[in-house]
N, C-alpha and C. Protein backbone atom coordinates (compact mmCIF):
# COMPACT_ATOMS: atom_id res chain seq x y z
N MET A 1 -45.83 -45.88 9.08
CA MET A 1 -44.72 -45.83 8.17
C MET A 1 -43.75 -44.75 8.66
N ARG A 2 -42.48 -45.07 8.71
CA ARG A 2 -41.45 -44.16 9.21
C ARG A 2 -40.81 -43.40 8.05
N THR A 3 -40.69 -42.11 8.21
CA THR A 3 -40.05 -41.31 7.17
C THR A 3 -38.63 -40.96 7.62
N SER A 4 -37.80 -40.75 6.68
CA SER A 4 -36.40 -40.44 6.96
C SER A 4 -36.23 -38.97 7.30
N ASN A 5 -35.30 -38.70 8.19
CA ASN A 5 -34.96 -37.32 8.54
C ASN A 5 -33.88 -36.76 7.62
N LEU A 6 -33.45 -37.54 6.67
CA LEU A 6 -32.36 -37.11 5.79
C LEU A 6 -32.67 -35.82 5.05
N PRO A 7 -33.82 -35.63 4.44
CA PRO A 7 -34.07 -34.36 3.76
C PRO A 7 -34.00 -33.16 4.71
N GLN A 8 -34.51 -33.31 5.93
CA GLN A 8 -34.44 -32.22 6.89
C GLN A 8 -32.99 -31.91 7.27
N LYS A 9 -32.19 -32.94 7.44
CA LYS A 9 -30.79 -32.74 7.81
C LYS A 9 -30.02 -32.07 6.68
N LEU A 10 -30.35 -32.41 5.43
CA LEU A 10 -29.70 -31.77 4.31
C LEU A 10 -30.06 -30.29 4.22
N VAL A 11 -31.31 -29.97 4.50
CA VAL A 11 -31.74 -28.57 4.47
C VAL A 11 -30.97 -27.79 5.53
N VAL A 12 -30.86 -28.33 6.73
CA VAL A 12 -30.12 -27.66 7.80
C VAL A 12 -28.66 -27.51 7.41
N LEU A 13 -28.07 -28.55 6.85
CA LEU A 13 -26.67 -28.49 6.43
C LEU A 13 -26.45 -27.40 5.38
N PHE A 14 -27.33 -27.33 4.39
CA PHE A 14 -27.18 -26.33 3.34
C PHE A 14 -27.48 -24.92 3.82
N LEU A 15 -28.25 -24.79 4.89
CA LEU A 15 -28.50 -23.46 5.45
C LEU A 15 -27.29 -22.96 6.23
N PHE A 16 -26.60 -23.85 6.94
CA PHE A 16 -25.48 -23.43 7.76
C PHE A 16 -24.16 -23.37 7.00
N PHE A 17 -24.03 -24.07 5.92
CA PHE A 17 -22.77 -24.07 5.16
C PHE A 17 -22.38 -22.68 4.66
N PRO A 18 -23.29 -21.92 4.03
CA PRO A 18 -22.89 -20.57 3.58
C PRO A 18 -22.49 -19.65 4.74
N VAL A 19 -23.17 -19.79 5.88
CA VAL A 19 -22.83 -18.95 7.03
C VAL A 19 -21.44 -19.31 7.54
N GLY A 20 -21.16 -20.58 7.67
CA GLY A 20 -19.85 -21.01 8.15
C GLY A 20 -18.73 -20.64 7.20
N SER A 21 -18.95 -20.81 5.91
CA SER A 21 -17.91 -20.47 4.95
C SER A 21 -17.69 -18.96 4.89
N ALA A 22 -18.73 -18.17 5.08
CA ALA A 22 -18.57 -16.72 5.10
C ALA A 22 -17.75 -16.30 6.31
N LEU A 23 -17.98 -16.95 7.45
CA LEU A 23 -17.20 -16.64 8.64
C LEU A 23 -15.74 -17.00 8.45
N LEU A 24 -15.47 -18.13 7.83
CA LEU A 24 -14.09 -18.55 7.60
C LEU A 24 -13.38 -17.64 6.61
N SER A 25 -14.09 -17.18 5.59
CA SER A 25 -13.44 -16.33 4.60
C SER A 25 -13.13 -14.95 5.16
N CYS A 26 -13.82 -14.53 6.21
CA CYS A 26 -13.55 -13.23 6.82
C CYS A 26 -12.29 -13.26 7.69
N CYS A 27 -11.86 -14.41 8.08
CA CYS A 27 -10.67 -14.53 8.93
C CYS A 27 -9.44 -14.56 8.04
N THR A 28 -8.87 -13.41 7.74
CA THR A 28 -7.76 -13.36 6.80
C THR A 28 -6.41 -13.14 7.46
N THR A 29 -6.38 -12.93 8.77
CA THR A 29 -5.09 -12.71 9.41
C THR A 29 -4.44 -14.05 9.71
N ARG A 30 -3.13 -14.06 9.59
CA ARG A 30 -2.36 -15.26 9.91
C ARG A 30 -1.38 -14.91 11.00
N LYS A 31 -1.16 -15.83 11.91
CA LYS A 31 -0.21 -15.59 12.97
C LYS A 31 1.11 -16.25 12.60
N VAL A 32 2.17 -15.49 12.74
CA VAL A 32 3.50 -15.98 12.43
C VAL A 32 4.30 -15.92 13.72
N THR A 33 4.91 -17.01 14.10
CA THR A 33 5.72 -17.03 15.30
C THR A 33 7.12 -16.57 14.95
N THR A 34 7.60 -15.58 15.67
CA THR A 34 8.94 -15.06 15.41
C THR A 34 9.98 -15.94 16.07
N ALA A 35 11.23 -15.63 15.84
CA ALA A 35 12.33 -16.43 16.37
C ALA A 35 12.34 -16.45 17.90
N PHE A 36 11.77 -15.43 18.53
CA PHE A 36 11.77 -15.36 19.98
C PHE A 36 10.52 -15.94 20.61
N GLY A 37 9.67 -16.57 19.81
CA GLY A 37 8.49 -17.23 20.32
C GLY A 37 7.28 -16.33 20.44
N THR A 38 7.41 -15.06 20.14
CA THR A 38 6.25 -14.18 20.17
C THR A 38 5.51 -14.29 18.86
N GLU A 39 4.24 -13.96 18.89
CA GLU A 39 3.44 -14.09 17.68
C GLU A 39 3.21 -12.72 17.06
N ALA A 40 3.38 -12.66 15.76
CA ALA A 40 3.11 -11.44 15.01
C ALA A 40 1.98 -11.74 14.03
N SER A 41 1.05 -10.86 13.92
CA SER A 41 -0.08 -11.08 13.03
C SER A 41 0.15 -10.32 11.73
N HIS A 42 0.03 -11.03 10.60
CA HIS A 42 0.21 -10.43 9.28
C HIS A 42 -1.01 -10.72 8.43
N SER A 43 -1.47 -9.76 7.75
CA SER A 43 -2.55 -9.94 6.80
C SER A 43 -1.94 -10.42 5.49
N PRO A 44 -2.58 -11.35 4.75
CA PRO A 44 -2.00 -11.84 3.51
C PRO A 44 -1.68 -10.75 2.50
N ALA A 45 -2.43 -9.67 2.51
CA ALA A 45 -2.20 -8.62 1.52
C ALA A 45 -1.53 -7.39 2.12
N SER A 46 -0.88 -7.53 3.29
CA SER A 46 -0.31 -6.36 3.94
C SER A 46 0.83 -5.77 3.12
N PHE A 47 1.69 -6.60 2.57
CA PHE A 47 2.73 -6.14 1.66
C PHE A 47 3.26 -7.33 0.86
N VAL A 48 3.75 -7.04 -0.32
CA VAL A 48 4.34 -8.07 -1.18
C VAL A 48 5.63 -7.51 -1.74
N ILE A 49 6.69 -8.31 -1.67
CA ILE A 49 8.01 -7.88 -2.14
C ILE A 49 8.40 -8.73 -3.34
N ASN A 50 8.87 -8.07 -4.39
CA ASN A 50 9.38 -8.77 -5.56
C ASN A 50 10.81 -9.18 -5.27
N ILE A 51 11.06 -10.47 -5.18
CA ILE A 51 12.40 -10.95 -4.81
C ILE A 51 13.41 -10.76 -5.94
N ASN A 52 12.96 -10.41 -7.13
CA ASN A 52 13.89 -10.18 -8.24
C ASN A 52 14.36 -8.74 -8.32
N THR A 53 13.70 -7.83 -7.66
CA THR A 53 14.10 -6.42 -7.73
C THR A 53 14.42 -5.82 -6.37
N ALA A 54 14.07 -6.49 -5.30
CA ALA A 54 14.25 -5.94 -3.96
C ALA A 54 15.72 -5.92 -3.56
N ARG A 55 16.10 -4.85 -2.87
CA ARG A 55 17.44 -4.77 -2.30
C ARG A 55 17.45 -5.50 -0.97
N ALA A 56 18.63 -5.69 -0.40
CA ALA A 56 18.76 -6.43 0.86
C ALA A 56 17.95 -5.77 1.97
N ALA A 57 17.93 -4.46 2.02
CA ALA A 57 17.18 -3.76 3.07
C ALA A 57 15.68 -4.03 2.95
N GLU A 58 15.17 -4.13 1.74
CA GLU A 58 13.75 -4.43 1.53
C GLU A 58 13.44 -5.88 1.90
N LEU A 59 14.35 -6.78 1.58
CA LEU A 59 14.14 -8.20 1.89
C LEU A 59 14.11 -8.45 3.39
N GLN A 60 14.78 -7.60 4.16
CA GLN A 60 14.79 -7.75 5.61
C GLN A 60 13.44 -7.46 6.24
N LYS A 61 12.52 -6.87 5.51
CA LYS A 61 11.17 -6.63 6.00
C LYS A 61 10.36 -7.92 6.07
N LEU A 62 10.83 -8.95 5.37
CA LEU A 62 10.14 -10.24 5.39
C LEU A 62 10.34 -10.91 6.74
N PRO A 63 9.35 -11.68 7.21
CA PRO A 63 9.51 -12.37 8.49
C PRO A 63 10.64 -13.39 8.42
N HIS A 64 11.45 -13.42 9.43
CA HIS A 64 12.57 -14.36 9.59
C HIS A 64 13.69 -14.15 8.58
N VAL A 65 13.78 -12.98 7.98
CA VAL A 65 14.88 -12.67 7.06
C VAL A 65 15.69 -11.54 7.67
N GLY A 66 16.92 -11.89 8.03
CA GLY A 66 17.83 -10.90 8.58
C GLY A 66 18.81 -10.43 7.53
N PRO A 67 19.83 -9.67 7.94
CA PRO A 67 20.79 -9.13 6.97
C PRO A 67 21.59 -10.21 6.24
N VAL A 68 21.95 -11.28 6.93
CA VAL A 68 22.76 -12.34 6.30
C VAL A 68 21.95 -13.07 5.24
N LEU A 69 20.73 -13.45 5.58
CA LEU A 69 19.90 -14.18 4.62
C LEU A 69 19.49 -13.27 3.45
N ALA A 70 19.21 -12.02 3.73
CA ALA A 70 18.87 -11.08 2.65
C ALA A 70 20.05 -10.94 1.69
N GLN A 71 21.26 -10.87 2.21
CA GLN A 71 22.44 -10.76 1.36
C GLN A 71 22.64 -12.02 0.53
N LYS A 72 22.35 -13.19 1.10
CA LYS A 72 22.45 -14.45 0.34
C LYS A 72 21.47 -14.46 -0.84
N ILE A 73 20.27 -13.94 -0.61
CA ILE A 73 19.27 -13.89 -1.68
C ILE A 73 19.75 -12.98 -2.80
N VAL A 74 20.27 -11.81 -2.44
CA VAL A 74 20.75 -10.85 -3.45
C VAL A 74 21.94 -11.43 -4.21
N GLU A 75 22.88 -12.05 -3.50
CA GLU A 75 24.06 -12.63 -4.16
C GLU A 75 23.67 -13.76 -5.10
N HIS A 76 22.74 -14.60 -4.70
CA HIS A 76 22.28 -15.68 -5.57
C HIS A 76 21.64 -15.12 -6.83
N ARG A 77 20.81 -14.10 -6.67
CA ARG A 77 20.14 -13.47 -7.81
C ARG A 77 21.15 -12.81 -8.74
N ASP A 78 22.16 -12.15 -8.18
CA ASP A 78 23.18 -11.51 -9.01
C ASP A 78 24.02 -12.54 -9.76
N ARG A 79 24.27 -13.66 -9.13
CA ARG A 79 25.13 -14.68 -9.74
C ARG A 79 24.40 -15.52 -10.79
N TYR A 80 23.16 -15.92 -10.48
CA TYR A 80 22.44 -16.86 -11.35
C TYR A 80 21.28 -16.25 -12.12
N GLY A 81 20.98 -14.99 -11.90
CA GLY A 81 19.86 -14.37 -12.59
C GLY A 81 18.61 -14.38 -11.75
N PRO A 82 17.53 -13.83 -12.28
CA PRO A 82 16.29 -13.70 -11.51
C PRO A 82 15.66 -15.05 -11.18
N PHE A 83 14.91 -15.06 -10.11
CA PHE A 83 14.16 -16.25 -9.72
C PHE A 83 12.96 -16.37 -10.65
N ARG A 84 12.76 -17.54 -11.20
CA ARG A 84 11.60 -17.74 -12.08
C ARG A 84 10.33 -18.03 -11.29
N ARG A 85 10.51 -18.67 -10.14
CA ARG A 85 9.38 -19.00 -9.28
C ARG A 85 9.76 -18.72 -7.84
N PRO A 86 8.83 -18.35 -7.01
CA PRO A 86 9.15 -18.12 -5.60
C PRO A 86 9.76 -19.36 -4.92
N GLU A 87 9.38 -20.53 -5.36
CA GLU A 87 9.89 -21.77 -4.77
C GLU A 87 11.40 -21.92 -4.95
N HIS A 88 11.98 -21.19 -5.90
CA HIS A 88 13.42 -21.28 -6.11
C HIS A 88 14.21 -20.70 -4.95
N LEU A 89 13.56 -20.01 -4.04
CA LEU A 89 14.24 -19.55 -2.82
C LEU A 89 14.72 -20.72 -1.97
N LEU A 90 14.10 -21.88 -2.15
CA LEU A 90 14.49 -23.05 -1.37
C LEU A 90 15.92 -23.50 -1.67
N ILE A 91 16.48 -23.04 -2.77
CA ILE A 91 17.87 -23.37 -3.13
C ILE A 91 18.84 -22.70 -2.17
N ILE A 92 18.47 -21.58 -1.63
CA ILE A 92 19.37 -20.78 -0.80
C ILE A 92 19.53 -21.41 0.57
N ASP A 93 20.78 -21.52 1.00
CA ASP A 93 21.08 -22.08 2.31
C ASP A 93 20.51 -21.15 3.39
N GLY A 94 19.68 -21.70 4.26
CA GLY A 94 19.05 -20.91 5.31
C GLY A 94 17.56 -20.77 5.12
N ILE A 95 17.04 -21.20 3.98
CA ILE A 95 15.59 -21.15 3.76
C ILE A 95 15.08 -22.58 3.69
N SER A 96 14.43 -22.98 4.77
CA SER A 96 13.84 -24.31 4.84
C SER A 96 12.43 -24.27 4.26
N GLU A 97 11.82 -25.43 4.14
CA GLU A 97 10.46 -25.48 3.64
C GLU A 97 9.50 -24.76 4.59
N GLU A 98 9.74 -24.91 5.87
CA GLU A 98 8.89 -24.24 6.86
C GLU A 98 9.02 -22.72 6.76
N ARG A 99 10.24 -22.24 6.65
CA ARG A 99 10.45 -20.80 6.52
C ARG A 99 9.85 -20.29 5.21
N PHE A 100 9.99 -21.06 4.14
CA PHE A 100 9.42 -20.65 2.86
C PHE A 100 7.90 -20.54 2.95
N ARG A 101 7.24 -21.48 3.65
CA ARG A 101 5.79 -21.41 3.81
C ARG A 101 5.38 -20.11 4.51
N GLU A 102 6.19 -19.66 5.44
CA GLU A 102 5.89 -18.41 6.14
C GLU A 102 6.13 -17.19 5.25
N LEU A 103 7.11 -17.29 4.34
CA LEU A 103 7.45 -16.18 3.44
C LEU A 103 6.54 -16.10 2.22
N ARG A 104 5.99 -17.20 1.80
CA ARG A 104 5.33 -17.33 0.51
C ARG A 104 4.29 -16.24 0.24
N GLN A 105 3.51 -15.90 1.24
CA GLN A 105 2.44 -14.93 1.03
C GLN A 105 2.96 -13.51 0.85
N PHE A 106 4.23 -13.27 1.17
CA PHE A 106 4.80 -11.93 1.10
C PHE A 106 5.69 -11.69 -0.10
N ILE A 107 5.88 -12.72 -0.96
CA ILE A 107 6.83 -12.57 -2.06
C ILE A 107 6.19 -12.89 -3.40
N ASN A 108 6.78 -12.31 -4.45
CA ASN A 108 6.43 -12.69 -5.81
C ASN A 108 7.66 -12.49 -6.69
N THR A 109 7.55 -12.91 -7.93
CA THR A 109 8.69 -12.81 -8.86
C THR A 109 8.36 -11.92 -10.05
N GLU A 110 7.24 -11.25 -10.02
CA GLU A 110 6.82 -10.43 -11.16
C GLU A 110 6.95 -8.95 -10.84
C-alpha cells in the first residue's frame, strides 16, 4: 500500500514559511532611482513630512521634488486648503502616479 507524501511536504512547508517570512520582513530598505539613474536607498521610516505644514524647503527633501514642484505644492495648499489625503497630490501638475508611489512612504497629512 502506497502512502502519500503530502503530510510530510506540508510539515516542511510550514517549517520554512516562518523563516522565509521573517527574512522578508527584515528587508525594510527600498531603492529609489534618482533622475540621473543612480540608486538611493531609503528606509520607510527614515523621515516623514507633513505636506499640510511643510514649507517649500522641507518639501525639497522628498525624492524627486525640486524647488519648482515644492512651490506648486505650497501654492496649491494655500489656494485650496490642506490636503485631506496624500493621494490628493496627484492633482498637482508634475506628480505622476509613479512619482507619487515613490513619495508615498515619506508623506502624511496629519
